[in-house]
Amino acid sequence: MAMASATPTRLPLISKHTSFYLTNCLPQTRFSHCTAIRPATNRFKCSAGGQTGFFTRLGRLIKEKAKSDVEKIFSGFSKTRDNLAVIDELLLYWNLADTDKVLDELEEALLVSDFGPRITIKIVESLRDDILAGKLKSGPDIKDALKNSVLDLLTKKGNKTELQLGYRKPAVVLIVGVNGGGKTTSLGKLAYRLKNEGAKILMAAGDTFRAAASDQLEIWAERTGCEIVVAEGEKAKASSECFLNSSFTGCEKRERTGF
C-alpha cells in the first residue's frame, strides 16, 4: 500500500457528489491530509456595484444640472413679470377720465419690460384708438386687448424684409459680431432673400485675416448666385486693413458694374 506523502496535497472537490464519494467510499486515512478548495467567489461583484453607483451619481448630477438650468431660465423672466404686474394695478381702477395718465404709465411699464420703443408705441396707440372709439370700456377689456396685441406680435409671420434698400443707392449692409456667431451664414441667407426680392448683391469679405474667411464667403456667393469681390493680398494683412481693402475694392467694383 502506498503511503501518503508528508506534504499535504490540495485536491479540488468538483462537486458535492464527488466529495461524498471520497468521504464514504475510500479509506478515510488516505485522504485525511487533503485540503478542500472552495469555489472562487465572483471577483467582479464589487466592481459591478461600483459601476452602478457611478452611473447613479452621474444621472443625479445631470438631473440636478438640468433643473438648475431651467430655474435659471425662468428666473430671468422674474423682472419682466414684476414689471408687468404693475399693469394689473393700473387697470384695476381704470376710468375714462384717466385714460392718458394710465396709457402713459402703461407705456413706461412696457418699456421697462424690454418691449422696445417701436412695439410699445404701436401697442399703446392701438389701445388708445380702441378706447376713444368706445370698443374698450373697462379695465378687463383693456387687459384682454393688450394680451391679444402682444400675442399677435409674437405669432405674426414676416412677409417682407424690414430693410428698405430702394431709397438710397448703393445700400451697404455691414454685419459684425464675435467669432462663431454665424455672420457668414446670416450674410448668405440675407443675400439670398434680397436677391429674390430683386436686389443686385455684391459680397465683400471683411474678416479676411481669419483662415478661410474669403473661401467660406465664396461658397455662399456661389450658392446664392451673388457676386463677390476679394482684394488682392488681403490674407497677408491684419483684419482691420483687410476690411478697408475689401471695402474699397468692393466700392470700386460697385461703381464699375452699377450696383
Protein backbone atom coordinates (compact mmCIF):
# COMPACT_ATOMS: atom_id res chain seq x y z
CA MET A 1 0.00 0.00 0.00
CA ALA A 2 1.38 3.40 -0.95
CA MET A 3 1.87 5.64 1.99
CA ALA A 4 0.65 9.17 1.93
CA SER A 5 3.26 11.85 1.50
CA ALA A 6 4.10 14.05 4.43
CA THR A 7 3.42 17.10 2.32
CA PRO A 8 -0.30 17.95 2.19
CA THR A 9 -1.81 17.74 -1.28
CA ARG A 10 -4.65 20.10 -2.40
CA LEU A 11 -7.25 18.26 -4.45
CA PRO A 12 -10.18 20.26 -5.83
CA LEU A 13 -13.59 18.95 -4.97
CA ILE A 14 -15.52 19.01 -8.25
CA SER A 15 -18.99 18.71 -6.75
CA LYS A 16 -20.79 17.64 -3.63
CA HIS A 17 -21.26 14.14 -5.07
CA THR A 18 -17.54 13.74 -5.58
CA SER A 19 -17.00 14.90 -2.01
CA PHE A 20 -19.46 12.30 -0.77
CA TYR A 21 -17.68 9.53 -2.75
CA LEU A 22 -14.28 10.46 -1.40
CA THR A 23 -15.58 10.58 2.15
CA ASN A 24 -17.59 7.37 2.30
CA CYS A 25 -16.24 5.00 -0.39
CA LEU A 26 -12.48 5.38 0.05
CA PRO A 27 -10.36 4.82 3.13
CA GLN A 28 -10.53 7.89 5.32
CA THR A 29 -6.87 7.74 6.30
CA ARG A 30 -5.72 8.00 2.70
CA PHE A 31 -7.32 11.47 2.25
CA SER A 32 -7.23 12.78 5.79
CA HIS A 33 -4.34 15.10 4.91
CA CYS A 34 -6.07 16.68 1.87
CA THR A 35 -7.47 20.21 1.99
CA ALA A 36 -10.62 21.07 0.06
CA ILE A 37 -10.56 24.12 -2.22
CA ARG A 38 -13.60 26.32 -2.03
CA PRO A 39 -15.08 27.69 -5.27
CA ALA A 40 -13.78 31.13 -6.11
CA THR A 41 -16.14 33.98 -5.39
CA ASN A 42 -17.21 36.44 -8.07
CA ARG A 43 -14.41 38.97 -8.25
CA PHE A 44 -16.50 41.39 -10.30
CA LYS A 45 -19.32 41.77 -7.83
CA CYS A 46 -17.84 44.82 -6.14
CA SER A 47 -16.76 46.28 -9.46
CA ALA A 48 -20.26 46.00 -10.88
CA GLY A 49 -21.66 47.60 -7.78
CA GLY A 50 -19.18 50.43 -8.15
CA GLN A 51 -20.17 50.98 -11.78
CA THR A 52 -23.83 51.06 -10.82
CA GLY A 53 -23.08 53.63 -8.16
CA PHE A 54 -21.12 55.74 -10.63
CA PHE A 55 -23.92 55.86 -13.20
CA THR A 56 -26.44 56.60 -10.44
CA ARG A 57 -24.40 59.55 -9.26
CA LEU A 58 -23.87 60.70 -12.85
CA GLY A 59 -27.60 60.58 -13.55
CA ARG A 60 -28.28 62.53 -10.37
CA LEU A 61 -25.76 65.21 -11.36
CA ILE A 62 -27.26 65.53 -14.86
CA LYS A 63 -30.76 65.84 -13.39
CA GLU A 64 -29.66 68.50 -10.91
CA LYS A 65 -27.83 70.41 -13.66
CA ALA A 66 -30.92 70.34 -15.92
CA LYS A 67 -33.11 71.53 -13.05
CA SER A 68 -30.68 74.34 -12.32
CA ASP A 69 -30.66 75.45 -15.97
CA VAL A 70 -34.47 75.51 -16.10
CA GLU A 71 -34.65 77.53 -12.89
CA LYS A 72 -32.07 79.95 -14.26
CA ILE A 73 -34.10 80.47 -17.43
CA PHE A 74 -37.33 81.16 -15.57
CA SER A 75 -35.60 83.38 -13.03
CA GLY A 76 -34.50 85.58 -15.93
CA PHE A 77 -38.17 86.43 -16.54
CA SER A 78 -38.84 87.37 -12.92
CA LYS A 79 -38.00 91.04 -13.50
CA THR A 80 -40.30 91.17 -16.52
CA ARG A 81 -43.12 89.52 -14.56
CA ASP A 82 -42.70 92.03 -11.73
CA ASN A 83 -42.79 94.95 -14.15
CA LEU A 84 -45.84 93.63 -15.98
CA ALA A 85 -47.63 93.11 -12.64
CA VAL A 86 -47.93 96.90 -12.45
CA ILE A 87 -50.34 96.75 -15.37
CA ASP A 88 -52.91 94.89 -13.27
CA GLU A 89 -52.81 97.70 -10.71
CA LEU A 90 -53.13 100.34 -13.42
CA LEU A 91 -56.18 98.73 -14.99
CA LEU A 92 -57.87 97.67 -11.78
CA TYR A 93 -59.49 101.06 -11.09
CA TRP A 94 -59.34 102.47 -14.62
CA ASN A 95 -61.83 105.07 -15.77
CA LEU A 96 -62.19 107.04 -18.95
CA ALA A 97 -61.05 110.32 -17.39
CA ASP A 98 -57.64 108.84 -16.54
CA THR A 99 -57.02 107.37 -19.99
CA ASP A 100 -53.98 109.47 -20.88
CA LYS A 101 -52.37 109.00 -17.48
CA VAL A 102 -52.95 105.25 -17.45
CA LEU A 103 -51.65 104.82 -21.00
CA ASP A 104 -48.52 106.83 -20.16
CA GLU A 105 -47.82 104.59 -17.19
CA LEU A 106 -48.63 101.54 -19.32
CA GLU A 107 -46.10 102.73 -21.91
CA GLU A 108 -43.47 103.09 -19.20
CA ALA A 109 -44.20 99.59 -17.87
CA LEU A 110 -43.81 98.06 -21.32
CA LEU A 111 -40.54 99.90 -21.96
CA VAL A 112 -39.11 98.76 -18.64
CA SER A 113 -40.15 95.20 -19.57
CA ASP A 114 -37.94 95.36 -22.70
CA PHE A 115 -40.72 95.55 -25.28
CA GLY A 116 -38.79 98.18 -27.21
CA PRO A 117 -39.95 101.68 -28.14
CA ARG A 118 -41.41 100.84 -31.56
CA ILE A 119 -43.50 97.92 -30.33
CA THR A 120 -44.54 99.79 -27.20
CA ILE A 121 -45.80 102.82 -29.11
CA LYS A 122 -47.68 100.58 -31.53
CA ILE A 123 -49.45 98.75 -28.69
CA VAL A 124 -50.31 101.86 -26.70
CA GLU A 125 -51.61 103.81 -29.70
CA SER A 126 -53.75 100.84 -30.74
CA LEU A 127 -55.26 100.72 -27.25
CA ARG A 128 -55.83 104.50 -27.30
CA ASP A 129 -57.70 104.31 -30.59
CA ASP A 130 -59.91 101.48 -29.35
CA ILE A 131 -60.68 103.34 -26.13
CA LEU A 132 -61.63 106.55 -27.93
CA ALA A 133 -63.74 104.55 -30.37
CA GLY A 134 -65.69 103.03 -27.49
CA LYS A 135 -64.52 99.47 -28.13
CA LEU A 136 -62.81 99.22 -24.72
CA LYS A 137 -64.93 100.35 -21.78
CA SER A 138 -63.31 98.74 -18.74
CA GLY A 139 -60.01 97.69 -17.28
CA PRO A 140 -60.53 93.99 -18.08
CA ASP A 141 -61.33 94.93 -21.68
CA ILE A 142 -58.05 96.84 -21.97
CA LYS A 143 -56.15 93.99 -20.38
CA ASP A 144 -57.60 91.46 -22.84
CA ALA A 145 -56.82 93.77 -25.76
CA LEU A 146 -53.27 94.17 -24.50
CA LYS A 147 -52.81 90.39 -24.33
CA ASN A 148 -54.16 89.97 -27.86
CA SER A 149 -51.87 92.71 -29.19
CA VAL A 150 -48.78 91.07 -27.69
CA LEU A 151 -49.89 87.65 -28.92
CA ASP A 152 -50.41 88.97 -32.45
CA LEU A 153 -46.94 90.49 -32.47
CA LEU A 154 -45.35 87.24 -31.31
CA THR A 155 -47.21 84.99 -33.75
CA LYS A 156 -47.29 87.23 -36.81
CA LYS A 157 -45.13 85.97 -39.66
CA GLY A 158 -42.99 88.35 -41.61
CA ASN A 159 -43.95 88.72 -45.26
CA LYS A 160 -41.31 91.20 -46.37
CA THR A 161 -37.88 92.38 -45.40
CA GLU A 162 -37.54 95.21 -42.92
CA LEU A 163 -34.60 96.62 -44.90
CA GLN A 164 -35.64 99.37 -47.26
CA LEU A 165 -32.97 99.29 -49.96
CA GLY A 166 -34.70 101.38 -52.62
CA TYR A 167 -34.31 104.86 -51.19
CA ARG A 168 -30.53 105.20 -51.43
CA LYS A 169 -28.12 103.51 -53.76
CA PRO A 170 -25.95 101.73 -53.05
CA ALA A 171 -27.31 100.27 -49.82
CA VAL A 172 -24.48 98.91 -47.66
CA VAL A 173 -25.24 96.24 -45.07
CA LEU A 174 -22.45 95.71 -42.52
CA ILE A 175 -22.57 92.52 -40.47
CA VAL A 176 -20.42 92.43 -37.33
CA GLY A 177 -20.14 90.02 -34.43
CA VAL A 178 -17.90 87.72 -32.41
CA ASN A 179 -16.18 84.68 -33.88
CA GLY A 180 -18.51 81.76 -34.42
CA GLY A 181 -21.65 83.87 -34.14
CA GLY A 182 -22.89 82.95 -37.63
CA LYS A 183 -22.07 86.16 -39.50
CA THR A 184 -21.18 84.47 -42.79
CA THR A 185 -24.19 82.17 -42.69
CA SER A 186 -26.52 85.07 -41.89
CA LEU A 187 -24.96 87.06 -44.74
CA GLY A 188 -25.67 84.22 -47.14
CA LYS A 189 -29.30 83.95 -46.05
CA LEU A 190 -29.80 87.71 -46.22
CA ALA A 191 -28.24 87.91 -49.67
CA TYR A 192 -30.45 85.09 -50.93
CA ARG A 193 -33.61 86.78 -49.68
CA LEU A 194 -32.72 90.20 -51.04
CA LYS A 195 -31.74 88.69 -54.38
CA ASN A 196 -35.14 87.01 -54.64
CA GLU A 197 -36.73 90.40 -53.98
CA GLY A 198 -34.93 91.88 -56.97
CA ALA A 199 -31.82 93.39 -55.41
CA LYS A 200 -28.41 93.07 -57.03
CA ILE A 201 -25.99 91.73 -54.43
CA LEU A 202 -22.23 92.19 -54.16
CA MET A 203 -20.45 90.46 -51.26
CA ALA A 204 -17.15 91.70 -49.82
CA ALA A 205 -15.19 89.82 -47.15
CA GLY A 206 -14.18 91.98 -44.20
CA ASP A 207 -12.79 89.47 -41.71
CA THR A 208 -10.18 88.21 -44.13
CA PHE A 209 -7.42 87.68 -41.59
CA ARG A 210 -9.25 84.59 -40.33
CA ALA A 211 -8.32 81.40 -42.12
CA ALA A 212 -10.68 80.52 -44.99
CA ALA A 213 -12.91 83.54 -44.35
CA SER A 214 -12.96 84.57 -48.02
CA ASP A 215 -13.26 80.97 -49.14
CA GLN A 216 -16.30 80.47 -46.94
CA LEU A 217 -17.93 83.61 -48.31
CA GLU A 218 -17.20 82.49 -51.87
CA ILE A 219 -19.14 79.30 -51.18
CA TRP A 220 -22.17 81.31 -50.08
CA ALA A 221 -21.83 83.58 -53.11
CA GLU A 222 -21.92 80.52 -55.35
CA ARG A 223 -24.91 79.04 -53.52
CA THR A 224 -26.94 82.24 -53.69
CA GLY A 225 -25.86 83.24 -57.18
CA CYS A 226 -24.43 86.56 -55.97
CA GLU A 227 -21.20 88.26 -56.94
CA ILE A 228 -18.23 88.59 -54.60
CA VAL A 229 -15.10 90.73 -54.52
CA VAL A 230 -11.84 89.78 -52.81
CA ALA A 231 -8.94 92.22 -52.50
CA GLU A 232 -5.54 91.06 -53.66
CA GLY A 233 -3.01 90.22 -50.98
CA GLU A 234 -5.51 90.68 -48.18
CA LYS A 235 -4.71 87.42 -46.42
CA ALA A 236 -1.26 88.68 -45.53
CA LYS A 237 -2.58 91.78 -43.75
CA ALA A 238 -4.26 92.46 -40.44
CA SER A 239 -8.01 92.14 -40.27
CA SER A 240 -8.61 95.88 -39.92
CA GLU A 241 -6.54 96.68 -43.03
CA CYS A 242 -8.19 93.82 -44.88
CA PHE A 243 -11.59 95.23 -44.04
CA LEU A 244 -10.72 98.62 -45.52
CA ASN A 245 -9.06 96.97 -48.52
CA SER A 246 -12.08 94.78 -49.22
CA SER A 247 -14.46 97.69 -48.73
CA PHE A 248 -12.64 100.00 -51.13
CA THR A 249 -12.28 97.19 -53.67
CA GLY A 250 -15.98 96.45 -53.34
CA CYS A 251 -16.88 100.11 -53.84
CA GLU A 252 -14.72 100.30 -56.95
CA LYS A 253 -16.39 97.25 -58.45
CA ARG A 254 -19.79 98.60 -57.46
CA GLU A 255 -19.14 101.82 -59.38
CA ARG A 256 -17.92 99.93 -62.44
CA THR A 257 -20.72 97.40 -62.57
CA GLY A 258 -23.62 99.57 -61.41
CA PHE A 259 -24.62 98.03 -58.08
